[in-house]
Amino acid sequence: MREMREMRALLIIGLQIDLAPGGALDMPGGETVAAKARELMAKHDLVVAARFWLPANHLSFAANHPWRQPGQTILINGHPTLLQPMYCVQGSFGAEFVPGFSEGEFDFIADMGAAAEAIPLSAFFDAGNGRDTGLKDFFTSQKTTTITIIGIPEKIVLRTFREAGELGFEPSM
């Protein structure tokens, strides 16, 4: 009987135009994510992307709160929420992968923040509604054991790293 081989995955978070230099959020480190991702892709059995995929009516967008601006913190459902400019809106140019990458290069794409009340906090689960992005089920179905995680923003990468370990995977960065 042939034993199934355990898979090694690369998880790339935030490889999107709005997070790159000159984008709506222009995240620190955004300029290096694409180059590092390209370097690591060939060294892994699976390549997965976690993208921000927010609806235009997302509760974290300052534009959806009259008289509010990005950078202000307000209480939403009892939780302090930092208001953001509109970024990575579903179907928009800013939500696309950075030049040189396409959806077809990924074995799976996990959509973070895909509901108006879902705050993207990790590649596995959103806060607010606890929405599961499907990432855990994909990795489990593929017999994934180790996951190398890269991307931006750093706080989401770190939380994803922690959750990967809690879910029984062996994360690395």
N, C-alpha and C. Protein backbone atom coordinates (compact mmCIF):
# COMPACT_ATOMS: atom_id res chain seq x y z
N MET A 1 0.83 -1.17 0.00
CA MET A 1 0.00 0.00 0.00
C MET A 1 0.88 1.25 0.00
N ARG A 2 0.57 2.19 -0.89
CA ARG A 2 1.36 3.40 -1.03
C ARG A 2 0.93 4.44 0.02
N GLU A 3 1.89 4.97 0.73
CA GLU A 3 1.60 5.96 1.75
C GLU A 3 1.58 7.35 1.12
N MET A 4 0.60 8.17 1.52
CA MET A 4 0.50 9.52 0.99
C MET A 4 1.58 10.41 1.60
N ARG A 5 2.21 11.18 0.78
CA ARG A 5 3.27 12.09 1.20
C ARG A 5 2.68 13.33 1.88
N GLU A 6 3.33 13.77 2.92
CA GLU A 6 2.90 14.98 3.61
C GLU A 6 3.36 16.20 2.83
N MET A 7 2.51 17.20 2.77
CA MET A 7 2.75 18.38 1.93
C MET A 7 3.32 19.56 2.73
N ARG A 8 4.16 20.32 2.04
CA ARG A 8 4.70 21.57 2.59
C ARG A 8 4.07 22.71 1.81
N ALA A 9 3.53 23.69 2.52
CA ALA A 9 2.82 24.78 1.87
C ALA A 9 3.50 26.13 2.13
N LEU A 10 3.36 27.00 1.16
CA LEU A 10 3.75 28.40 1.30
C LEU A 10 2.45 29.20 1.34
N LEU A 11 2.27 29.99 2.38
CA LEU A 11 1.11 30.86 2.52
C LEU A 11 1.57 32.30 2.39
N ILE A 12 1.06 32.99 1.39
CA ILE A 12 1.43 34.39 1.12
C ILE A 12 0.23 35.27 1.47
N ILE A 13 0.43 36.20 2.38
CA ILE A 13 -0.65 37.08 2.85
C ILE A 13 -0.46 38.49 2.32
N GLY A 14 -1.53 39.06 1.74
CA GLY A 14 -1.53 40.48 1.37
C GLY A 14 -0.72 40.85 0.15
N LEU A 15 -0.58 39.98 -0.80
CA LEU A 15 0.19 40.23 -2.03
C LEU A 15 -0.70 41.00 -3.01
N GLN A 16 -1.17 42.19 -2.62
CA GLN A 16 -2.16 42.93 -3.37
C GLN A 16 -1.74 44.37 -3.62
N ILE A 17 -2.27 44.94 -4.67
CA ILE A 17 -1.90 46.28 -5.12
C ILE A 17 -2.13 47.33 -4.04
N ASP A 18 -3.25 47.30 -3.33
CA ASP A 18 -3.52 48.31 -2.32
C ASP A 18 -2.58 48.25 -1.12
N LEU A 19 -1.88 47.13 -0.93
CA LEU A 19 -0.94 47.02 0.19
C LEU A 19 0.50 47.27 -0.24
N ALA A 20 0.73 47.35 -1.53
CA ALA A 20 2.06 47.58 -2.09
C ALA A 20 2.39 49.08 -2.07
N PRO A 21 3.65 49.44 -2.31
CA PRO A 21 4.01 50.86 -2.36
C PRO A 21 3.12 51.62 -3.34
N GLY A 22 2.57 52.75 -2.85
CA GLY A 22 1.68 53.57 -3.67
C GLY A 22 0.23 53.16 -3.60
N GLY A 23 -0.07 52.04 -2.93
CA GLY A 23 -1.45 51.57 -2.80
C GLY A 23 -2.20 52.33 -1.72
N ALA A 24 -3.46 52.03 -1.56
CA ALA A 24 -4.31 52.73 -0.60
C ALA A 24 -3.77 52.65 0.83
N LEU A 25 -3.14 51.54 1.20
CA LEU A 25 -2.58 51.40 2.55
C LEU A 25 -1.05 51.44 2.57
N ASP A 26 -0.41 51.14 1.46
CA ASP A 26 1.06 51.23 1.36
C ASP A 26 1.75 50.70 2.63
N MET A 27 1.65 49.40 2.85
CA MET A 27 2.16 48.76 4.06
C MET A 27 3.70 48.66 4.07
N PRO A 28 4.32 48.88 5.23
CA PRO A 28 5.76 48.66 5.34
C PRO A 28 6.11 47.21 5.00
N GLY A 29 7.11 47.02 4.18
CA GLY A 29 7.52 45.68 3.78
C GLY A 29 6.85 45.20 2.51
N GLY A 30 5.87 45.94 2.03
CA GLY A 30 5.14 45.53 0.84
C GLY A 30 6.01 45.34 -0.39
N GLU A 31 7.08 46.10 -0.45
CA GLU A 31 7.96 46.02 -1.62
C GLU A 31 8.75 44.72 -1.67
N THR A 32 8.92 44.05 -0.55
CA THR A 32 9.72 42.83 -0.53
C THR A 32 8.91 41.55 -0.59
N VAL A 33 7.59 41.63 -0.35
CA VAL A 33 6.76 40.42 -0.31
C VAL A 33 6.78 39.68 -1.64
N ALA A 34 6.60 40.40 -2.74
CA ALA A 34 6.53 39.74 -4.05
C ALA A 34 7.83 39.03 -4.40
N ALA A 35 8.95 39.69 -4.17
CA ALA A 35 10.24 39.07 -4.50
C ALA A 35 10.49 37.83 -3.64
N LYS A 36 10.19 37.91 -2.35
CA LYS A 36 10.37 36.77 -1.46
C LYS A 36 9.42 35.64 -1.83
N ALA A 37 8.18 35.98 -2.17
CA ALA A 37 7.20 34.97 -2.56
C ALA A 37 7.68 34.22 -3.81
N ARG A 38 8.14 34.94 -4.79
CA ARG A 38 8.60 34.31 -6.04
C ARG A 38 9.76 33.36 -5.75
N GLU A 39 10.65 33.76 -4.88
CA GLU A 39 11.81 32.94 -4.51
C GLU A 39 11.38 31.63 -3.83
N LEU A 40 10.37 31.70 -2.98
CA LEU A 40 9.95 30.55 -2.18
C LEU A 40 8.95 29.62 -2.89
N MET A 41 8.26 30.09 -3.90
CA MET A 41 7.20 29.31 -4.53
C MET A 41 7.67 27.94 -5.03
N ALA A 42 8.81 27.90 -5.67
CA ALA A 42 9.31 26.64 -6.25
C ALA A 42 9.77 25.64 -5.19
N LYS A 43 9.94 26.09 -3.97
CA LYS A 43 10.45 25.23 -2.90
C LYS A 43 9.33 24.56 -2.09
N HIS A 44 8.08 24.75 -2.50
CA HIS A 44 6.94 24.22 -1.74
C HIS A 44 6.01 23.41 -2.64
N ASP A 45 5.34 22.43 -2.02
CA ASP A 45 4.39 21.59 -2.76
C ASP A 45 3.12 22.35 -3.12
N LEU A 46 2.69 23.20 -2.21
CA LEU A 46 1.47 23.98 -2.39
C LEU A 46 1.78 25.46 -2.22
N VAL A 47 1.14 26.30 -3.02
CA VAL A 47 1.28 27.74 -2.87
C VAL A 47 -0.13 28.31 -2.71
N VAL A 48 -0.33 28.98 -1.58
CA VAL A 48 -1.65 29.49 -1.21
C VAL A 48 -1.56 30.98 -0.95
N ALA A 49 -2.60 31.71 -1.35
CA ALA A 49 -2.66 33.14 -1.07
C ALA A 49 -3.81 33.42 -0.11
N ALA A 50 -3.60 34.35 0.79
CA ALA A 50 -4.68 34.89 1.62
C ALA A 50 -4.78 36.35 1.22
N ARG A 51 -5.95 36.70 0.68
CA ARG A 51 -6.11 38.07 0.21
C ARG A 51 -7.21 38.78 0.99
N PHE A 52 -7.02 40.08 1.12
CA PHE A 52 -8.06 40.93 1.70
C PHE A 52 -9.11 41.10 0.59
N TRP A 53 -10.37 40.88 0.93
CA TRP A 53 -11.44 40.84 -0.07
C TRP A 53 -12.69 41.46 0.56
N LEU A 54 -12.61 42.76 0.79
CA LEU A 54 -13.63 43.45 1.56
C LEU A 54 -14.74 44.03 0.67
N PRO A 55 -16.01 43.90 1.12
CA PRO A 55 -17.09 44.52 0.36
C PRO A 55 -17.03 46.05 0.55
N ALA A 56 -17.60 46.80 -0.38
CA ALA A 56 -17.55 48.26 -0.31
C ALA A 56 -18.23 48.80 0.95
N ASN A 57 -19.17 48.05 1.53
CA ASN A 57 -19.86 48.52 2.74
C ASN A 57 -19.21 48.01 4.02
N HIS A 58 -17.93 47.64 3.96
CA HIS A 58 -17.25 47.08 5.12
C HIS A 58 -17.25 48.07 6.27
N LEU A 59 -17.49 47.56 7.49
CA LEU A 59 -17.61 48.43 8.66
C LEU A 59 -16.32 49.11 9.06
N SER A 60 -15.18 48.67 8.59
CA SER A 60 -13.92 49.32 8.96
C SER A 60 -13.56 50.50 8.06
N PHE A 61 -14.32 50.71 7.00
CA PHE A 61 -14.03 51.82 6.09
C PHE A 61 -14.62 53.11 6.65
N ALA A 62 -13.77 54.12 6.82
CA ALA A 62 -14.22 55.41 7.32
C ALA A 62 -15.34 55.98 6.46
N ALA A 63 -15.31 55.74 5.17
CA ALA A 63 -16.33 56.26 4.26
C ALA A 63 -17.74 55.77 4.60
N ASN A 64 -17.84 54.69 5.35
CA ASN A 64 -19.15 54.15 5.73
C ASN A 64 -19.66 54.69 7.06
N HIS A 65 -18.94 55.67 7.63
CA HIS A 65 -19.34 56.28 8.90
C HIS A 65 -19.31 57.81 8.72
N PRO A 66 -20.48 58.42 8.60
CA PRO A 66 -20.52 59.88 8.37
C PRO A 66 -19.68 60.65 9.37
N TRP A 67 -18.97 61.63 8.86
CA TRP A 67 -18.14 62.53 9.64
C TRP A 67 -16.91 61.88 10.24
N ARG A 68 -16.54 60.70 9.75
CA ARG A 68 -15.35 60.01 10.25
C ARG A 68 -14.27 59.96 9.17
N GLN A 69 -13.03 59.83 9.63
CA GLN A 69 -11.90 59.78 8.71
C GLN A 69 -11.00 58.60 9.05
N PRO A 70 -10.23 58.13 8.05
CA PRO A 70 -9.26 57.06 8.33
C PRO A 70 -8.33 57.48 9.47
N GLY A 71 -8.02 56.52 10.34
CA GLY A 71 -7.14 56.78 11.47
C GLY A 71 -7.89 57.01 12.76
N GLN A 72 -9.19 57.32 12.68
CA GLN A 72 -9.99 57.49 13.89
C GLN A 72 -10.39 56.11 14.41
N THR A 73 -10.53 56.00 15.73
CA THR A 73 -11.01 54.77 16.34
C THR A 73 -12.41 55.04 16.88
N ILE A 74 -13.35 54.16 16.52
CA ILE A 74 -14.72 54.27 17.02
C ILE A 74 -15.15 52.91 17.57
N LEU A 75 -16.18 52.91 18.37
CA LEU A 75 -16.74 51.65 18.88
C LEU A 75 -17.74 51.11 17.87
N ILE A 76 -17.53 49.86 17.46
CA ILE A 76 -18.47 49.17 16.59
C ILE A 76 -18.80 47.85 17.28
N ASN A 77 -20.08 47.68 17.56
CA ASN A 77 -20.53 46.49 18.29
C ASN A 77 -19.74 46.31 19.60
N GLY A 78 -19.41 47.43 20.24
CA GLY A 78 -18.72 47.38 21.53
C GLY A 78 -17.22 47.21 21.46
N HIS A 79 -16.66 47.14 20.24
CA HIS A 79 -15.21 46.92 20.08
C HIS A 79 -14.56 48.14 19.44
N PRO A 80 -13.44 48.61 19.99
CA PRO A 80 -12.73 49.71 19.35
C PRO A 80 -12.26 49.26 17.95
N THR A 81 -12.56 50.08 16.95
CA THR A 81 -12.22 49.74 15.57
C THR A 81 -11.50 50.92 14.93
N LEU A 82 -10.30 50.69 14.41
CA LEU A 82 -9.55 51.71 13.71
C LEU A 82 -10.11 51.82 12.30
N LEU A 83 -10.59 53.00 11.94
CA LEU A 83 -11.16 53.20 10.62
C LEU A 83 -10.06 53.31 9.56
N GLN A 84 -10.33 52.71 8.43
CA GLN A 84 -9.36 52.62 7.34
C GLN A 84 -9.89 53.34 6.09
N PRO A 85 -8.99 53.71 5.18
CA PRO A 85 -9.47 54.14 3.87
C PRO A 85 -9.99 52.89 3.16
N MET A 86 -10.76 53.06 2.12
CA MET A 86 -11.23 51.90 1.36
C MET A 86 -10.02 51.24 0.70
N TYR A 87 -9.87 49.94 0.92
CA TYR A 87 -8.75 49.20 0.34
C TYR A 87 -9.20 47.78 0.01
N CYS A 88 -8.59 47.18 -0.99
CA CYS A 88 -8.84 45.79 -1.38
C CYS A 88 -10.34 45.48 -1.46
N VAL A 89 -11.08 46.40 -2.07
CA VAL A 89 -12.52 46.21 -2.24
C VAL A 89 -12.74 45.12 -3.31
N GLN A 90 -13.63 44.19 -2.99
CA GLN A 90 -13.92 43.06 -3.89
C GLN A 90 -14.10 43.53 -5.33
N GLY A 91 -13.33 42.93 -6.22
CA GLY A 91 -13.44 43.23 -7.65
C GLY A 91 -12.73 44.49 -8.11
N SER A 92 -12.10 45.22 -7.20
CA SER A 92 -11.43 46.47 -7.59
C SER A 92 -9.99 46.20 -8.03
N PHE A 93 -9.43 47.19 -8.70
CA PHE A 93 -8.03 47.11 -9.13
C PHE A 93 -7.11 46.91 -7.93
N GLY A 94 -7.36 47.61 -6.83
CA GLY A 94 -6.51 47.52 -5.64
C GLY A 94 -6.53 46.16 -4.97
N ALA A 95 -7.58 45.38 -5.19
CA ALA A 95 -7.68 44.04 -4.60
C ALA A 95 -6.94 42.99 -5.42
N GLU A 96 -6.53 43.34 -6.63
CA GLU A 96 -5.82 42.39 -7.48
C GLU A 96 -4.43 42.09 -6.91
N PHE A 97 -3.90 40.93 -7.31
CA PHE A 97 -2.53 40.60 -6.92
C PHE A 97 -1.56 41.56 -7.60
N VAL A 98 -0.42 41.78 -6.99
CA VAL A 98 0.57 42.69 -7.56
C VAL A 98 1.01 42.18 -8.93
N PRO A 99 1.51 43.07 -9.78
CA PRO A 99 1.96 42.65 -11.11
C PRO A 99 2.95 41.50 -11.03
N GLY A 100 2.79 40.56 -11.93
CA GLY A 100 3.67 39.40 -11.97
C GLY A 100 3.07 38.18 -11.30
N PHE A 101 1.89 38.33 -10.66
CA PHE A 101 1.20 37.22 -10.00
C PHE A 101 -0.24 37.18 -10.49
N SER A 102 -0.78 35.97 -10.60
CA SER A 102 -2.18 35.83 -11.01
C SER A 102 -2.85 34.75 -10.18
N GLU A 103 -4.17 34.78 -10.17
CA GLU A 103 -4.94 33.80 -9.39
C GLU A 103 -4.57 32.37 -9.76
N GLY A 104 -4.26 32.12 -11.02
CA GLY A 104 -3.96 30.78 -11.50
C GLY A 104 -2.68 30.18 -10.93
N GLU A 105 -1.84 30.98 -10.29
CA GLU A 105 -0.60 30.47 -9.71
C GLU A 105 -0.79 29.85 -8.33
N PHE A 106 -1.98 30.03 -7.76
CA PHE A 106 -2.22 29.58 -6.40
C PHE A 106 -3.09 28.33 -6.38
N ASP A 107 -2.76 27.41 -5.48
CA ASP A 107 -3.55 26.20 -5.32
C ASP A 107 -4.85 26.47 -4.57
N PHE A 108 -4.87 27.55 -3.81
CA PHE A 108 -6.06 27.95 -3.06
C PHE A 108 -5.92 29.42 -2.71
N ILE A 109 -7.05 30.13 -2.69
CA ILE A 109 -7.06 31.53 -2.26
C ILE A 109 -8.07 31.67 -1.13
N ALA A 110 -7.60 32.12 0.03
CA ALA A 110 -8.47 32.36 1.18
C ALA A 110 -8.82 33.84 1.19
N ASP A 111 -10.11 34.14 1.22
CA ASP A 111 -10.58 35.54 1.24
C ASP A 111 -10.82 35.99 2.67
N MET A 112 -10.09 37.01 3.07
CA MET A 112 -10.23 37.57 4.42
C MET A 112 -11.14 38.80 4.39
N GLY A 113 -12.00 38.94 5.40
CA GLY A 113 -12.85 40.12 5.52
C GLY A 113 -13.93 40.21 4.46
N ALA A 114 -14.40 39.08 3.97
CA ALA A 114 -15.33 39.06 2.82
C ALA A 114 -16.77 39.42 3.16
N ALA A 115 -17.08 39.68 4.42
CA ALA A 115 -18.41 40.12 4.82
C ALA A 115 -18.28 41.49 5.50
N ALA A 116 -19.32 42.30 5.43
CA ALA A 116 -19.26 43.68 5.93
C ALA A 116 -18.82 43.78 7.38
N GLU A 117 -19.19 42.80 8.21
CA GLU A 117 -18.87 42.86 9.64
C GLU A 117 -17.64 42.03 10.00
N ALA A 118 -16.98 41.44 9.02
CA ALA A 118 -15.83 40.56 9.28
C ALA A 118 -14.53 41.35 9.24
N ILE A 119 -13.87 41.43 10.37
CA ILE A 119 -12.58 42.12 10.46
C ILE A 119 -11.48 41.10 10.19
N PRO A 120 -10.68 41.30 9.15
CA PRO A 120 -9.61 40.33 8.87
C PRO A 120 -8.49 40.44 9.91
N LEU A 121 -8.34 39.37 10.70
CA LEU A 121 -7.29 39.35 11.71
C LEU A 121 -6.28 38.24 11.49
N SER A 122 -6.64 37.23 10.71
CA SER A 122 -5.70 36.17 10.35
C SER A 122 -6.17 35.55 9.04
N ALA A 123 -5.30 34.76 8.44
CA ALA A 123 -5.67 34.09 7.20
C ALA A 123 -6.64 32.95 7.43
N PHE A 124 -6.80 32.51 8.68
CA PHE A 124 -7.70 31.39 8.99
C PHE A 124 -9.12 31.84 9.35
N PHE A 125 -9.22 32.90 10.19
CA PHE A 125 -10.53 33.32 10.69
C PHE A 125 -10.63 34.83 10.75
N ASP A 126 -11.84 35.34 10.47
CA ASP A 126 -12.13 36.76 10.63
C ASP A 126 -12.70 36.99 12.02
N ALA A 127 -12.47 38.18 12.56
CA ALA A 127 -13.10 38.57 13.82
C ALA A 127 -14.44 39.21 13.49
N GLY A 128 -15.24 39.41 14.48
CA GLY A 128 -16.55 40.03 14.28
C GLY A 128 -17.61 38.97 14.10
N ASN A 129 -17.50 38.20 13.01
CA ASN A 129 -18.48 37.15 12.79
C ASN A 129 -17.86 35.75 12.89
N GLY A 130 -16.54 35.68 13.17
CA GLY A 130 -15.85 34.40 13.32
C GLY A 130 -15.79 33.59 12.04
N ARG A 131 -15.97 34.23 10.90
CA ARG A 131 -16.00 33.56 9.61
C ARG A 131 -14.71 32.79 9.35
N ASP A 132 -14.85 31.55 8.93
CA ASP A 132 -13.74 30.67 8.56
C ASP A 132 -13.44 30.91 7.08
N THR A 133 -12.19 31.15 6.76
CA THR A 133 -11.82 31.43 5.37
C THR A 133 -11.68 30.17 4.51
N GLY A 134 -11.76 29.00 5.12
CA GLY A 134 -11.61 27.74 4.39
C GLY A 134 -10.18 27.23 4.32
N LEU A 135 -9.26 28.01 4.84
CA LEU A 135 -7.84 27.67 4.77
C LEU A 135 -7.50 26.39 5.54
N LYS A 136 -8.01 26.28 6.75
CA LYS A 136 -7.74 25.08 7.57
C LYS A 136 -8.22 23.83 6.84
N ASP A 137 -9.43 23.85 6.33
CA ASP A 137 -9.97 22.68 5.62
C ASP A 137 -9.15 22.34 4.39
N PHE A 138 -8.70 23.36 3.65
CA PHE A 138 -7.87 23.10 2.48
C PHE A 138 -6.57 22.42 2.88
N PHE A 139 -5.87 22.99 3.86
CA PHE A 139 -4.60 22.39 4.29
C PHE A 139 -4.80 20.97 4.80
N THR A 140 -5.85 20.75 5.56
CA THR A 140 -6.13 19.41 6.09
C THR A 140 -6.41 18.43 4.95
N SER A 141 -7.20 18.84 3.96
CA SER A 141 -7.53 17.95 2.84
C SER A 141 -6.31 17.61 2.00
N GLN A 142 -5.31 18.48 2.00
CA GLN A 142 -4.10 18.28 1.22
C GLN A 142 -2.99 17.59 2.02
N LYS A 143 -3.29 17.18 3.25
CA LYS A 143 -2.31 16.53 4.13
C LYS A 143 -1.10 17.42 4.40
N THR A 144 -1.37 18.71 4.54
CA THR A 144 -0.30 19.68 4.79
C THR A 144 0.20 19.53 6.22
N THR A 145 1.52 19.51 6.38
CA THR A 145 2.09 19.44 7.72
C THR A 145 2.79 20.74 8.09
N THR A 146 3.60 21.27 7.18
CA THR A 146 4.34 22.49 7.48
C THR A 146 3.86 23.62 6.57
N ILE A 147 3.80 24.82 7.16
CA ILE A 147 3.35 25.99 6.43
C ILE A 147 4.36 27.11 6.64
N THR A 148 4.96 27.57 5.57
CA THR A 148 5.82 28.75 5.62
C THR A 148 4.93 29.95 5.35
N ILE A 149 4.97 30.94 6.23
CA ILE A 149 4.07 32.09 6.13
C ILE A 149 4.88 33.36 5.91
N ILE A 150 4.50 34.10 4.85
CA ILE A 150 5.11 35.40 4.58
C ILE A 150 3.99 36.38 4.23
N GLY A 151 4.29 37.66 4.32
CA GLY A 151 3.30 38.63 3.88
C GLY A 151 3.25 39.88 4.72
N ILE A 152 2.17 40.62 4.51
CA ILE A 152 1.89 41.87 5.23
C ILE A 152 0.38 41.94 5.46
N PRO A 153 -0.05 42.69 6.44
CA PRO A 153 0.69 43.36 7.49
C PRO A 153 1.21 42.38 8.54
N GLU A 154 2.24 42.81 9.23
CA GLU A 154 2.94 41.94 10.18
C GLU A 154 2.02 41.37 11.25
N LYS A 155 1.09 42.18 11.78
CA LYS A 155 0.23 41.67 12.86
C LYS A 155 -0.66 40.52 12.37
N ILE A 156 -1.06 40.54 11.13
CA ILE A 156 -1.88 39.44 10.59
C ILE A 156 -1.01 38.22 10.32
N VAL A 157 0.20 38.43 9.84
CA VAL A 157 1.13 37.32 9.63
C VAL A 157 1.41 36.63 10.97
N LEU A 158 1.67 37.40 12.01
CA LEU A 158 1.98 36.83 13.33
C LEU A 158 0.78 36.07 13.92
N ARG A 159 -0.41 36.63 13.77
CA ARG A 159 -1.59 35.94 14.29
C ARG A 159 -1.85 34.66 13.51
N THR A 160 -1.65 34.70 12.19
CA THR A 160 -1.82 33.51 11.36
C THR A 160 -0.81 32.44 11.77
N PHE A 161 0.42 32.85 12.04
CA PHE A 161 1.46 31.93 12.50
C PHE A 161 1.01 31.23 13.79
N ARG A 162 0.52 32.03 14.75
CA ARG A 162 0.07 31.47 16.03
C ARG A 162 -1.10 30.50 15.82
N GLU A 163 -2.07 30.90 15.02
CA GLU A 163 -3.23 30.05 14.79
C GLU A 163 -2.86 28.76 14.05
N ALA A 164 -1.91 28.85 13.13
CA ALA A 164 -1.47 27.64 12.41
C ALA A 164 -0.95 26.61 13.40
N GLY A 165 -0.16 27.04 14.38
CA GLY A 165 0.34 26.14 15.41
C GLY A 165 -0.78 25.58 16.27
N GLU A 166 -1.72 26.45 16.65
CA GLU A 166 -2.86 25.99 17.46
C GLU A 166 -3.73 24.99 16.72
N LEU A 167 -3.76 25.07 15.40
CA LEU A 167 -4.57 24.16 14.58
C LEU A 167 -3.84 22.86 14.25
N GLY A 168 -2.60 22.73 14.73
CA GLY A 168 -1.87 21.47 14.54
C GLY A 168 -0.89 21.44 13.39
N PHE A 169 -0.67 22.57 12.73
CA PHE A 169 0.32 22.63 11.66
C PHE A 169 1.66 23.07 12.25
N GLU A 170 2.72 22.90 11.48
CA GLU A 170 4.04 23.35 11.89
C GLU A 170 4.38 24.61 11.10
N PRO A 171 4.13 25.80 11.69
CA PRO A 171 4.40 27.04 10.96
C PRO A 171 5.85 27.48 11.03
N SER A 172 6.28 28.18 10.00
CA SER A 172 7.59 28.82 10.01
C SER A 172 7.46 30.13 9.23
N MET A 173 8.45 30.99 9.45
CA MET A 173 8.44 32.28 8.74
C MET A 173 9.79 32.49 8.08
